[in-house]
PDB file of N, CA and C in Angstrom:
ATOM      1  N   MET A   1     125.037  77.414 -37.716  1.00  0.00           N
ATOM      2  CA  MET A   1     126.026  77.396 -38.644  1.00  0.00           C
ATOM      3  C   MET A   1     125.771  78.461 -39.809  1.00  0.00           C
ATOM      4  N   GLU A   2     126.701  79.211 -40.130  1.00  0.00           N
ATOM      5  CA  GLU A   2     126.538  80.280 -41.205  1.00  0.00           C
ATOM      6  C   GLU A   2     126.836  79.620 -42.478  1.00  0.00           C
ATOM      7  N   MET A   3     126.229  80.145 -43.589  1.00  0.00           N
ATOM      8  CA  MET A   3     126.504  79.667 -44.885  1.00  0.00           C
ATOM      9  C   MET A   3     128.015  79.750 -45.207  1.00  0.00           C
ATOM     10  N   ASN A   4     128.638  80.838 -44.774  1.00  0.00           N
ATOM     11  CA  ASN A   4     130.056  81.024 -45.065  1.00  0.00           C
ATOM     12  C   ASN A   4     130.989  79.843 -44.494  1.00  0.00           C
ATOM     13  N   GLU A   5     130.551  79.237 -43.455  1.00  0.00           N
ATOM     14  CA  GLU A   5     131.242  78.132 -42.921  1.00  0.00           C
ATOM     15  C   GLU A   5     131.372  76.924 -43.858  1.00  0.00           C
ATOM     16  N   MET A   6     130.344  76.859 -44.657  1.00  0.00           N
ATOM     17  CA  MET A   6     130.315  75.726 -45.672  1.00  0.00           C
ATOM     18  C   MET A   6     131.377  75.795 -46.758  1.00  0.00           C
ATOM     19  N   SER A   7     131.887  77.129 -46.937  1.00  0.00           N
ATOM     20  CA  SER A   7     132.858  77.328 -48.040  1.00  0.00           C
ATOM     21  C   SER A   7     134.261  77.028 -47.563  1.00  0.00           C
ATOM     22  N   VAL A   8     134.428  76.642 -46.256  1.00  0.00           N
ATOM     23  CA  VAL A   8     135.818  76.374 -45.716  1.00  0.00           C
ATOM     24  C   VAL A   8     136.419  75.058 -46.266  1.00  0.00           C
ATOM     25  N   ILE A   9     135.454  74.161 -46.723  1.00  0.00           N
ATOM     26  CA  ILE A   9     135.928  72.953 -47.387  1.00  0.00           C
ATOM     27  C   ILE A   9     136.927  73.231 -48.579  1.00  0.00           C
ATOM     28  N   ASP A  10     138.060  72.548 -48.535  1.00  0.00           N
ATOM     29  CA  ASP A  10     139.020  72.682 -49.595  1.00  0.00           C
ATOM     30  C   ASP A  10     138.702  71.745 -50.704  1.00  0.00           C
ATOM     31  N   PHE A  11     138.008  72.261 -51.830  1.00  0.00           N
ATOM     32  CA  PHE A  11     137.668  71.286 -52.962  1.00  0.00           C
ATOM     33  C   PHE A  11     138.724  71.167 -53.852  1.00  0.00           C
ATOM     34  N   GLN A  12     139.821  71.952 -53.674  1.00  0.00           N
ATOM     35  CA  GLN A  12     140.987  71.809 -54.657  1.00  0.00           C
ATOM     36  C   GLN A  12     141.667  70.404 -54.430  1.00  0.00           C
ATOM     37  N   ARG A  13     141.497  69.740 -53.293  1.00  0.00           N
ATOM     38  CA  ARG A  13     142.044  68.448 -53.135  1.00  0.00           C
ATOM     39  C   ARG A  13     141.132  67.306 -53.557  1.00  0.00           C
ATOM     40  N   ALA A  14     140.135  67.621 -54.178  1.00  0.00           N
ATOM     41  CA  ALA A  14     139.133  66.682 -54.687  1.00  0.00           C
ATOM     42  C   ALA A  14     139.854  65.779 -55.758  1.00  0.00           C
ATOM     43  N   PRO A  15     139.656  64.451 -55.666  1.00  0.00           N
ATOM     44  CA  PRO A  15     140.202  63.588 -56.626  1.00  0.00           C
ATOM     45  C   PRO A  15     139.801  63.841 -58.084  1.00  0.00           C
ATOM     46  N   GLU A  16     140.605  63.444 -58.978  1.00  0.00           N
ATOM     47  CA  GLU A  16     140.254  63.680 -60.473  1.00  0.00           C
ATOM     48  C   GLU A  16     138.984  62.717 -60.768  1.00  0.00           C
ATOM     49  N   VAL A  17     138.062  63.315 -61.478  1.00  0.00           N
ATOM     50  CA  VAL A  17     136.866  62.756 -61.812  1.00  0.00           C
ATOM     51  C   VAL A  17     137.064  61.885 -63.154  1.00  0.00           C
ATOM     52  N   ARG A  18     136.830  60.587 -63.058  1.00  0.00           N
ATOM     53  CA  ARG A  18     136.937  59.809 -64.253  1.00  0.00           C
ATOM     54  C   ARG A  18     135.613  58.914 -64.314  1.00  0.00           C
ATOM     55  N   PRO A  19     135.224  58.525 -65.450  1.00  0.00           N
ATOM     56  CA  PRO A  19     134.091  57.586 -65.700  1.00  0.00           C
ATOM     57  C   PRO A  19     134.569  56.280 -64.955  1.00  0.00           C
ATOM     58  N   PRO A  20     133.467  55.610 -64.389  1.00  0.00           N
ATOM     59  CA  PRO A  20     133.760  54.333 -63.692  1.00  0.00           C
ATOM     60  C   PRO A  20     134.140  53.277 -64.729  1.00  0.00           C
ATOM     61  N   ALA A  21     135.159  52.411 -64.297  1.00  0.00           N
ATOM     62  CA  ALA A  21     135.690  51.314 -65.143  1.00  0.00           C
ATOM     63  C   ALA A  21     134.570  50.207 -65.145  1.00  0.00           C
ATOM     64  N   SER A  22     134.453  49.618 -66.238  1.00  0.00           N
ATOM     65  CA  SER A  22     133.448  48.525 -66.201  1.00  0.00           C
ATOM     66  C   SER A  22     133.805  47.480 -65.152  1.00  0.00           C
ATOM     67  N   ALA A  23     132.793  47.362 -64.301  1.00  0.00           N
ATOM     68  CA  ALA A  23     132.938  46.424 -63.182  1.00  0.00           C
ATOM     69  C   ALA A  23     132.052  45.211 -63.297  1.00  0.00           C
ATOM     70  N   LYS A  24     132.307  44.211 -62.646  1.00  0.00           N
ATOM     71  CA  LYS A  24     131.396  43.049 -62.588  1.00  0.00           C
ATOM     72  C   LYS A  24     130.026  43.437 -61.885  1.00  0.00           C
ATOM     73  N   SER A  25     129.020  42.796 -62.264  1.00  0.00           N
ATOM     74  CA  SER A  25     127.732  43.103 -61.879  1.00  0.00           C
ATOM     75  C   SER A  25     127.584  43.239 -60.332  1.00  0.00           C
ATOM     76  N   GLY A  26     128.176  42.238 -59.582  1.00  0.00           N
ATOM     77  CA  GLY A  26     128.139  42.310 -58.100  1.00  0.00           C
ATOM     78  C   GLY A  26     128.869  43.551 -57.507  1.00  0.00           C
ATOM     79  N   GLU A  27     129.958  43.965 -58.131  1.00  0.00           N
ATOM     80  CA  GLU A  27     130.704  45.117 -57.599  1.00  0.00           C
ATOM     81  C   GLU A  27     129.905  46.353 -57.920  1.00  0.00           C
ATOM     82  N   ALA A  28     129.244  46.382 -59.094  1.00  0.00           N
ATOM     83  CA  ALA A  28     128.405  47.523 -59.462  1.00  0.00           C
ATOM     84  C   ALA A  28     127.238  47.707 -58.633  1.00  0.00           C
ATOM     85  N   ALA A  29     126.591  46.630 -58.236  1.00  0.00           N
ATOM     86  CA  ALA A  29     125.528  46.618 -57.349  1.00  0.00           C
ATOM     87  C   ALA A  29     125.871  47.096 -55.900  1.00  0.00           C
ATOM     88  N   GLY A  30     126.992  46.775 -55.469  1.00  0.00           N
ATOM     89  CA  GLY A  30     127.509  47.229 -54.147  1.00  0.00           C
ATOM     90  C   GLY A  30     127.871  48.667 -54.212  1.00  0.00           C
ATOM     91  N   ASP A  31     128.495  49.044 -55.349  1.00  0.00           N
ATOM     92  CA  ASP A  31     128.754  50.504 -55.456  1.00  0.00           C
ATOM     93  C   ASP A  31     127.490  51.371 -55.451  1.00  0.00           C
ATOM     94  N   SER A  32     126.427  50.829 -56.208  1.00  0.00           N
ATOM     95  CA  SER A  32     125.222  51.499 -56.296  1.00  0.00           C
ATOM     96  C   SER A  32     124.646  51.620 -54.944  1.00  0.00           C
ATOM     97  N   ALA A  33     124.598  50.601 -54.076  1.00  0.00           N
ATOM     98  CA  ALA A  33     124.006  50.620 -52.772  1.00  0.00           C
ATOM     99  C   ALA A  33     124.770  51.514 -51.855  1.00  0.00           C
ATOM    100  N   ARG A  34     126.074  51.566 -51.962  1.00  0.00           N
ATOM    101  CA  ARG A  34     126.924  52.642 -51.141  1.00  0.00           C
ATOM    102  C   ARG A  34     126.557  53.973 -51.630  1.00  0.00           C
ATOM    103  N   LEU A  35     126.375  54.241 -52.882  1.00  0.00           N
ATOM    104  CA  LEU A  35     126.117  55.566 -53.426  1.00  0.00           C
ATOM    105  C   LEU A  35     124.712  55.923 -52.864  1.00  0.00           C
ATOM    106  N   GLY A  36     123.782  55.094 -52.859  1.00  0.00           N
ATOM    107  CA  GLY A  36     122.487  55.423 -52.401  1.00  0.00           C
ATOM    108  C   GLY A  36     122.460  55.751 -50.934  1.00  0.00           C
ATOM    109  N   GLU A  37     123.227  55.089 -50.117  1.00  0.00           N
ATOM    110  CA  GLU A  37     123.361  55.312 -48.731  1.00  0.00           C
ATOM    111  C   GLU A  37     124.053  56.737 -48.506  1.00  0.00           C
ATOM    112  N   THR A  38     125.044  56.997 -49.285  1.00  0.00           N
ATOM    113  CA  THR A  38     125.750  58.305 -49.220  1.00  0.00           C
ATOM    114  C   THR A  38     124.774  59.420 -49.541  1.00  0.00           C
ATOM    115  N   ILE A  39     124.103  59.337 -50.636  1.00  0.00           N
ATOM    116  CA  ILE A  39     123.068  60.332 -51.039  1.00  0.00           C
ATOM    117  C   ILE A  39     122.184  60.538 -49.936  1.00  0.00           C
ATOM    118  N   ASP A  40     121.606  59.454 -49.385  1.00  0.00           N
ATOM    119  CA  ASP A  40     120.626  59.663 -48.247  1.00  0.00           C
ATOM    120  C   ASP A  40     121.297  60.369 -47.081  1.00  0.00           C
ATOM    121  N   GLN A  41     122.495  60.198 -46.766  1.00  0.00           N
ATOM    122  CA  GLN A  41     123.147  60.879 -45.611  1.00  0.00           C
ATOM    123  C   GLN A  41     123.235  62.254 -45.929  1.00  0.00           C
ATOM    124  N   LEU A  42     123.856  62.584 -47.121  1.00  0.00           N
ATOM    125  CA  LEU A  42     123.995  63.913 -47.568  1.00  0.00           C
ATOM    126  C   LEU A  42     122.724  64.769 -47.572  1.00  0.00           C
ATOM    127  N   THR A  43     121.692  64.196 -48.256  1.00  0.00           N
ATOM    128  CA  THR A  43     120.468  64.889 -48.307  1.00  0.00           C
ATOM    129  C   THR A  43     119.881  65.088 -46.834  1.00  0.00           C
ATOM    130  N   GLY A  44     119.978  64.173 -46.099  1.00  0.00           N
ATOM    131  CA  GLY A  44     119.559  64.315 -44.661  1.00  0.00           C
ATOM    132  C   GLY A  44     120.231  65.399 -43.915  1.00  0.00           C
ATOM    133  N   ASN A  45     121.553  65.396 -44.082  1.00  0.00           N
ATOM    134  CA  ASN A  45     122.310  66.521 -43.407  1.00  0.00           C
ATOM    135  C   ASN A  45     122.011  67.835 -43.989  1.00  0.00           C
ATOM    136  N   LEU A  46     121.760  67.955 -45.319  1.00  0.00           N
ATOM    137  CA  LEU A  46     121.489  69.170 -45.899  1.00  0.00           C
ATOM    138  C   LEU A  46     120.101  69.643 -45.476  1.00  0.00           C
ATOM    139  N   LEU A  47     119.209  68.800 -45.383  1.00  0.00           N
ATOM    140  CA  LEU A  47     117.813  69.169 -44.925  1.00  0.00           C
ATOM    141  C   LEU A  47     117.750  69.619 -43.502  1.00  0.00           C
ATOM    142  N   ARG A  48     118.544  68.917 -42.559  1.00  0.00           N
ATOM    143  CA  ARG A  48     118.671  69.432 -41.275  1.00  0.00           C
ATOM    144  C   ARG A  48     119.265  70.775 -41.133  1.00  0.00           C
ATOM    145  N   LEU A  49     120.328  71.097 -41.989  1.00  0.00           N
ATOM    146  CA  LEU A  49     120.893  72.345 -42.061  1.00  0.00           C
ATOM    147  C   LEU A  49     119.945  73.443 -42.577  1.00  0.00           C
ATOM    148  N   TYR A  50     119.150  73.079 -43.503  1.00  0.00           N
ATOM    149  CA  TYR A  50     118.100  73.943 -43.933  1.00  0.00           C
ATOM    150  C   TYR A  50     117.126  74.329 -42.944  1.00  0.00           C
ATOM    151  N   MET A  51     116.596  73.262 -42.204  1.00  0.00           N
ATOM    152  CA  MET A  51     115.599  73.542 -41.140  1.00  0.00           C
ATOM    153  C   MET A  51     116.239  74.395 -40.001  1.00  0.00           C
ATOM    154  N   LEU A  52     117.430  74.145 -39.639  1.00  0.00           N
ATOM    155  CA  LEU A  52     118.055  74.889 -38.563  1.00  0.00           C
ATOM    156  C   LEU A  52     118.248  76.324 -38.957  1.00  0.00           C
ATOM    157  N   MET A  53     118.673  76.581 -40.233  1.00  0.00           N
ATOM    158  CA  MET A  53     118.790  77.830 -40.713  1.00  0.00           C
ATOM    159  C   MET A  53     117.468  78.575 -40.831  1.00  0.00           C
ATOM    160  N   SER A  54     116.403  77.880 -41.093  1.00  0.00           N
ATOM    161  CA  SER A  54     115.043  78.474 -41.313  1.00  0.00           C
ATOM    162  C   SER A  54     114.635  78.963 -39.835  1.00  0.00           C
ATOM    163  N   PHE A  55     114.919  78.099 -38.845  1.00  0.00           N
ATOM    164  CA  PHE A  55     114.545  78.585 -37.438  1.00  0.00           C
ATOM    165  C   PHE A  55     115.234  79.905 -37.002  1.00  0.00           C
ATOM    166  N   ASP A  56     116.536  80.041 -37.458  1.00  0.00           N
ATOM    167  CA  ASP A  56     117.409  81.197 -37.116  1.00  0.00           C
ATOM    168  C   ASP A  56     116.985  82.450 -37.975  1.00  0.00           C
ATOM    169  N   CYS A  57     116.558  82.145 -39.071  1.00  0.00           N
ATOM    170  CA  CYS A  57     116.315  83.329 -40.051  1.00  0.00           C
ATOM    171  C   CYS A  57     114.828  83.398 -40.440  1.00  0.00           C
ATOM    172  N   ARG A  58     114.025  83.128 -39.539  1.00  0.00           N
ATOM    173  CA  ARG A  58     112.558  82.922 -39.801  1.00  0.00           C
ATOM    174  C   ARG A  58     112.342  81.918 -40.917  1.00  0.00           C
ATOM    175  N   THR A  59     112.264  82.318 -42.179  1.00  0.00           N
ATOM    176  CA  THR A  59     112.243  81.299 -43.123  1.00  0.00           C
ATOM    177  C   THR A  59     113.173  81.549 -44.396  1.00  0.00           C
ATOM    178  N   ILE A  60     113.520  80.478 -44.900  1.00  0.00           N
ATOM    179  CA  ILE A  60     114.337  80.547 -46.144  1.00  0.00           C
ATOM    180  C   ILE A  60     113.495  79.796 -47.118  1.00  0.00           C
ATOM    181  N   PRO A  61     112.950  80.383 -48.206  1.00  0.00           N
ATOM    182  CA  PRO A  61     112.273  79.707 -49.277  1.00  0.00           C
ATOM    183  C   PRO A  61     113.076  78.483 -49.808  1.00  0.00           C
ATOM    184  N   LEU A  62     112.441  77.223 -49.840  1.00  0.00           N
ATOM    185  CA  LEU A  62     112.996  76.073 -50.286  1.00  0.00           C
ATOM    186  C   LEU A  62     113.571  76.228 -51.717  1.00  0.00           C
ATOM    187  N   ARG A  63     112.787  76.894 -52.602  1.00  0.00           N
ATOM    188  CA  ARG A  63     113.276  77.090 -54.023  1.00  0.00           C
ATOM    189  C   ARG A  63     114.643  77.843 -53.872  1.00  0.00           C
ATOM    190  N   ASP A  64     114.708  78.850 -53.201  1.00  0.00           N
ATOM    191  CA  ASP A  64     115.997  79.681 -53.147  1.00  0.00           C
ATOM    192  C   ASP A  64     117.214  78.770 -52.569  1.00  0.00           C
ATOM    193  N   PHE A  65     116.855  78.000 -51.504  1.00  0.00           N
ATOM    194  CA  PHE A  65     117.846  77.112 -50.954  1.00  0.00           C
ATOM    195  C   PHE A  65     118.343  76.082 -51.974  1.00  0.00           C
ATOM    196  N   ILE A  66     117.513  75.482 -52.705  1.00  0.00           N
ATOM    197  CA  ILE A  66     117.830  74.462 -53.739  1.00  0.00           C
ATOM    198  C   ILE A  66     118.627  75.208 -54.915  1.00  0.00           C
ATOM    199  N   ALA A  67     118.097  76.318 -55.288  1.00  0.00           N
ATOM    200  CA  ALA A  67     118.766  77.118 -56.364  1.00  0.00           C
ATOM    201  C   ALA A  67     120.166  77.473 -56.009  1.00  0.00           C
ATOM    202  N   ALA A  68     120.436  77.770 -54.698  1.00  0.00           N
ATOM    203  CA  ALA A  68     121.726  78.172 -54.217  1.00  0.00           C
ATOM    204  C   ALA A  68     122.661  76.993 -54.234  1.00  0.00           C
ATOM    205  N   ILE A  69     122.073  75.857 -53.910  1.00  0.00           N
ATOM    206  CA  ILE A  69     122.909  74.526 -53.836  1.00  0.00           C
ATOM    207  C   ILE A  69     123.250  74.184 -55.317  1.00  0.00           C
ATOM    208  N   GLU A  70     122.204  74.303 -56.191  1.00  0.00           N
ATOM    209  CA  GLU A  70     122.526  73.888 -57.643  1.00  0.00           C
ATOM    210  C   GLU A  70     123.614  74.813 -58.146  1.00  0.00           C
ATOM    211  N   ARG A  71     123.460  76.144 -57.972  1.00  0.00           N
ATOM    212  CA  ARG A  71     124.471  77.089 -58.515  1.00  0.00           C
ATOM    213  C   ARG A  71     125.830  76.764 -58.034  1.00  0.00           C
ATOM    214  N   ARG A  72     125.976  76.504 -56.698  1.00  0.00           N
ATOM    215  CA  ARG A  72     127.211  76.120 -56.122  1.00  0.00           C
ATOM    216  C   ARG A  72     127.793  74.796 -56.682  1.00  0.00           C
ATOM    217  N   ALA A  73     127.013  73.857 -56.925  1.00  0.00           N
ATOM    218  CA  ALA A  73     127.327  72.535 -57.417  1.00  0.00           C
ATOM    219  C   ALA A  73     127.865  72.712 -58.954  1.00  0.00           C
ATOM    220  N   ILE A  74     127.237  73.464 -59.645  1.00  0.00           N
ATOM    221  CA  ILE A  74     127.596  73.780 -61.063  1.00  0.00           C
ATOM    222  C   ILE A  74     128.983  74.557 -61.095  1.00  0.00           C
ATOM    223  N   THR A  75     129.072  75.549 -60.234  1.00  0.00           N
ATOM    224  CA  THR A  75     130.343  76.303 -60.196  1.00  0.00           C
ATOM    225  C   THR A  75     131.464  75.366 -59.665  1.00  0.00           C
ATOM    226  N   LEU A  76     131.245  74.539 -58.698  1.00  0.00           N
ATOM    227  CA  LEU A  76     132.273  73.722 -58.224  1.00  0.00           C
ATOM    228  C   LEU A  76     132.613  72.701 -59.243  1.00  0.00           C
ATOM    229  N   ALA A  77     131.684  72.042 -59.922  1.00  0.00           N
ATOM    230  CA  ALA A  77     131.981  71.105 -61.056  1.00  0.00           C
ATOM    231  C   ALA A  77     132.878  71.741 -62.162  1.00  0.00           C
ATOM    232  N   LEU A  78     132.535  73.031 -62.395  1.00  0.00           N
ATOM    233  CA  LEU A  78     133.241  73.664 -63.493  1.00  0.00           C
ATOM    234  C   LEU A  78     134.696  73.922 -63.018  1.00  0.00           C
ATOM    235  N   GLU A  79     134.749  74.338 -61.672  1.00  0.00           N
ATOM    236  CA  GLU A  79     136.203  74.543 -61.090  1.00  0.00           C
ATOM    237  C   GLU A  79     136.961  73.256 -61.077  1.00  0.00           C
ATOM    238  N   ILE A  80     136.399  72.098 -60.631  1.00  0.00           N
ATOM    239  CA  ILE A  80     137.076  70.865 -60.565  1.00  0.00           C
ATOM    240  C   ILE A  80     137.598  70.448 -61.952  1.00  0.00           C
ATOM    241  N   THR A  81     136.807  70.724 -62.971  1.00  0.00           N
ATOM    242  CA  THR A  81     137.059  70.243 -64.281  1.00  0.00           C
ATOM    243  C   THR A  81     137.734  71.373 -65.174  1.00  0.00           C
ATOM    244  N   ASN A  82     138.248  72.389 -64.478  1.00  0.00           N
ATOM    245  CA  ASN A  82     138.880  73.497 -65.178  1.00  0.00           C
ATOM    246  C   ASN A  82     137.997  74.044 -66.430  1.00  0.00           C
ATOM    247  N   GLY A  83     136.692  74.157 -66.020  1.00  0.00           N
ATOM    248  CA  GLY A  83     135.860  74.836 -67.036  1.00  0.00           C
ATOM    249  C   GLY A  83     135.385  73.915 -68.182  1.00  0.00           C
ATOM    250  N   HIS A  84     135.817  72.508 -68.112  1.00  0.00           N
ATOM    251  CA  HIS A  84     135.445  71.657 -69.157  1.00  0.00           C
ATOM    252  C   HIS A  84     133.925  71.257 -68.933  1.00  0.00           C
ATOM    253  N   GLN A  85     133.100  71.746 -69.864  1.00  0.00           N
ATOM    254  CA  GLN A  85     131.618  71.472 -69.642  1.00  0.00           C
ATOM    255  C   GLN A  85     131.219  70.045 -69.863  1.00  0.00           C
ATOM    256  N   ARG A  86     131.880  69.294 -70.672  1.00  0.00           N
ATOM    257  CA  ARG A  86     131.432  67.857 -70.837  1.00  0.00           C
ATOM    258  C   ARG A  86     131.790  67.074 -69.612  1.00  0.00           C
ATOM    259  N   LYS A  87     132.938  67.345 -69.020  1.00  0.00           N
ATOM    260  CA  LYS A  87     133.335  66.567 -67.714  1.00  0.00           C
ATOM    261  C   LYS A  87     132.497  67.168 -66.644  1.00  0.00           C
ATOM    262  N   ALA A  88     132.184  68.411 -66.578  1.00  0.00           N
ATOM    263  CA  ALA A  88     131.381  68.886 -65.485  1.00  0.00           C
ATOM    264  C   ALA A  88     129.900  68.366 -65.520  1.00  0.00           C
ATOM    265  N   SER A  89     129.447  68.248 -66.780  1.00  0.00           N
ATOM    266  CA  SER A  89     128.071  67.675 -66.830  1.00  0.00           C
ATOM    267  C   SER A  89     128.004  66.204 -66.440  1.00  0.00           C
ATOM    268  N   TYR A  90     129.121  65.545 -66.816  1.00  0.00           N
ATOM    269  CA  TYR A  90     129.252  64.126 -66.369  1.00  0.00           C
ATOM    270  C   TYR A  90     129.314  64.024 -64.852  1.00  0.00           C
ATOM    271  N   LEU A  91     130.106  64.791 -64.327  1.00  0.00           N
ATOM    272  CA  LEU A  91     130.246  64.845 -62.773  1.00  0.00           C
ATOM    273  C   LEU A  91     128.908  65.166 -62.191  1.00  0.00           C
ATOM    274  N   LEU A  92     128.112  66.052 -62.638  1.00  0.00           N
ATOM    275  CA  LEU A  92     126.761  66.386 -62.151  1.00  0.00           C
ATOM    276  C   LEU A  92     125.709  65.481 -62.404  1.00  0.00           C
ATOM    277  N   GLY A  93     125.983  64.543 -63.484  1.00  0.00           N
ATOM    278  CA  GLY A  93     124.933  63.612 -63.827  1.00  0.00           C
ATOM    279  C   GLY A  93     123.893  64.208 -64.706  1.00  0.00           C
ATOM    280  N   ILE A  94     124.207  65.255 -65.457  1.00  0.00           N
ATOM    281  CA  ILE A  94     123.244  65.902 -66.398  1.00  0.00           C
ATOM    282  C   ILE A  94     123.865  65.945 -67.796  1.00  0.00           C
ATOM    283  N   LYS A  95     123.012  66.254 -68.770  1.00  0.00           N
ATOM    284  CA  LYS A  95     123.442  66.295 -70.096  1.00  0.00           C
ATOM    285  C   LYS A  95     124.067  67.692 -70.307  1.00  0.00           C
ATOM    286  N   GLU A  96     124.968  67.794 -71.243  1.00  0.00           N
ATOM    287  CA  GLU A  96     125.807  68.949 -71.401  1.00  0.00           C
ATOM    288  C   GLU A  96     124.852  70.171 -71.798  1.00  0.00           C
ATOM    289  N   ASN A  97     123.748  69.916 -72.643  1.00  0.00           N
ATOM    290  CA  ASN A  97     122.877  70.983 -72.990  1.00  0.00           C
ATOM    291  C   ASN A  97     122.151  71.548 -71.731  1.00  0.00           C
ATOM    292  N   VAL A  98     121.792  70.709 -70.829  1.00  0.00           N
ATOM    293  CA  VAL A  98     121.211  71.102 -69.610  1.00  0.00           C
ATOM    294  C   VAL A  98     122.121  71.927 -68.793  1.00  0.00           C
ATOM    295  N   LEU A  99     123.418  71.615 -68.693  1.00  0.00           N
ATOM    296  CA  LEU A  99     124.379  72.426 -68.026  1.00  0.00           C
ATOM    297  C   LEU A  99     124.368  73.754 -68.663  1.00  0.00           C
ATOM    298  N   CYS A 100     124.463  73.847 -69.969  1.00  0.00           N
ATOM    299  CA  CYS A 100     124.416  75.163 -70.565  1.00  0.00           C
ATOM    300  C   CYS A 100     123.237  75.930 -70.220  1.00  0.00           C
ATOM    301  N   ILE A 101     122.042  75.426 -70.189  1.00  0.00           N
ATOM    302  CA  ILE A 101     120.818  76.117 -69.861  1.00  0.00           C
ATOM    303  C   ILE A 101     120.949  76.662 -68.370  1.00  0.00           C
ATOM    304  N   LYS A 102     121.415  75.820 -67.432  1.00  0.00           N
ATOM    305  CA  LYS A 102     121.531  76.185 -66.026  1.00  0.00           C
ATOM    306  C   LYS A 102     122.584  77.270 -65.912  1.00  0.00           C
ATOM    307  N   LYS A 103     123.749  77.271 -66.598  1.00  0.00           N
ATOM    308  CA  LYS A 103     124.709  78.255 -66.666  1.00  0.00           C
ATOM    309  C   LYS A 103     124.176  79.553 -67.004  1.00  0.00           C
ATOM    310  N   GLN A 104     123.281  79.621 -68.098  1.00  0.00           N
ATOM    311  CA  GLN A 104     122.656  80.887 -68.461  1.00  0.00           C
ATOM    312  C   GLN A 104     121.603  81.296 -67.299  1.00  0.00           C
ATOM    313  N   LYS A 105     120.914  80.331 -66.857  1.00  0.00           N
ATOM    314  CA  LYS A 105     119.930  80.663 -65.765  1.00  0.00           C
ATOM    315  C   LYS A 105     120.555  81.336 -64.487  1.00  0.00           C
ATOM    316  N   TYR A 106     121.816  80.840 -64.116  1.00  0.00           N
ATOM    317  CA  TYR A 106     122.442  81.355 -63.046  1.00  0.00           C
ATOM    318  C   TYR A 106     123.455  82.356 -63.357  1.00  0.00           C
ATOM    319  N   GLN A 107     123.549  82.848 -64.579  1.00  0.00           N
ATOM    320  CA  GLN A 107     124.501  83.791 -65.195  1.00  0.00           C
ATOM    321  C   GLN A 107     125.990  83.385 -64.845  1.00  0.00           C
ATOM    322  N   LEU A 108     126.335  82.157 -65.100  1.00  0.00           N
ATOM    323  CA  LEU A 108     127.671  81.697 -64.824  1.00  0.00           C
ATOM    324  C   LEU A 108     128.458  81.673 -66.281  1.00  0.00           C
ATOM    325  N   LYS A 109     129.748  81.837 -66.090  1.00  0.00           N
ATOM    326  CA  LYS A 109     130.526  81.885 -67.346  1.00  0.00           C
ATOM    327  C   LYS A 109     131.033  80.506 -67.752  1.00  0.00           C
TER     328      LYS A 109
END
């Protein structure tokens, strides 16, 4: 699988990002468990992709791979939120000032 194939996903159809409504503790625990499972599945798939790409391209430094993912995640979060930094930082689960630092690091507008 080439990296360009990953950009085929239409992120414009992504649902609006909203802070979670206050839920009962049982519901929150269930949501947390499902989120943990989803994260495990996503990271597993991403690592498999990384390993397969490394076999095809000799090696891809892990730090470069992670930096590329982080840059794409920041760019996508800013696109989804129409450039609104506070909403993008919430979506990414980082503080707004950390988002600012990372935008400078990756030379994003």
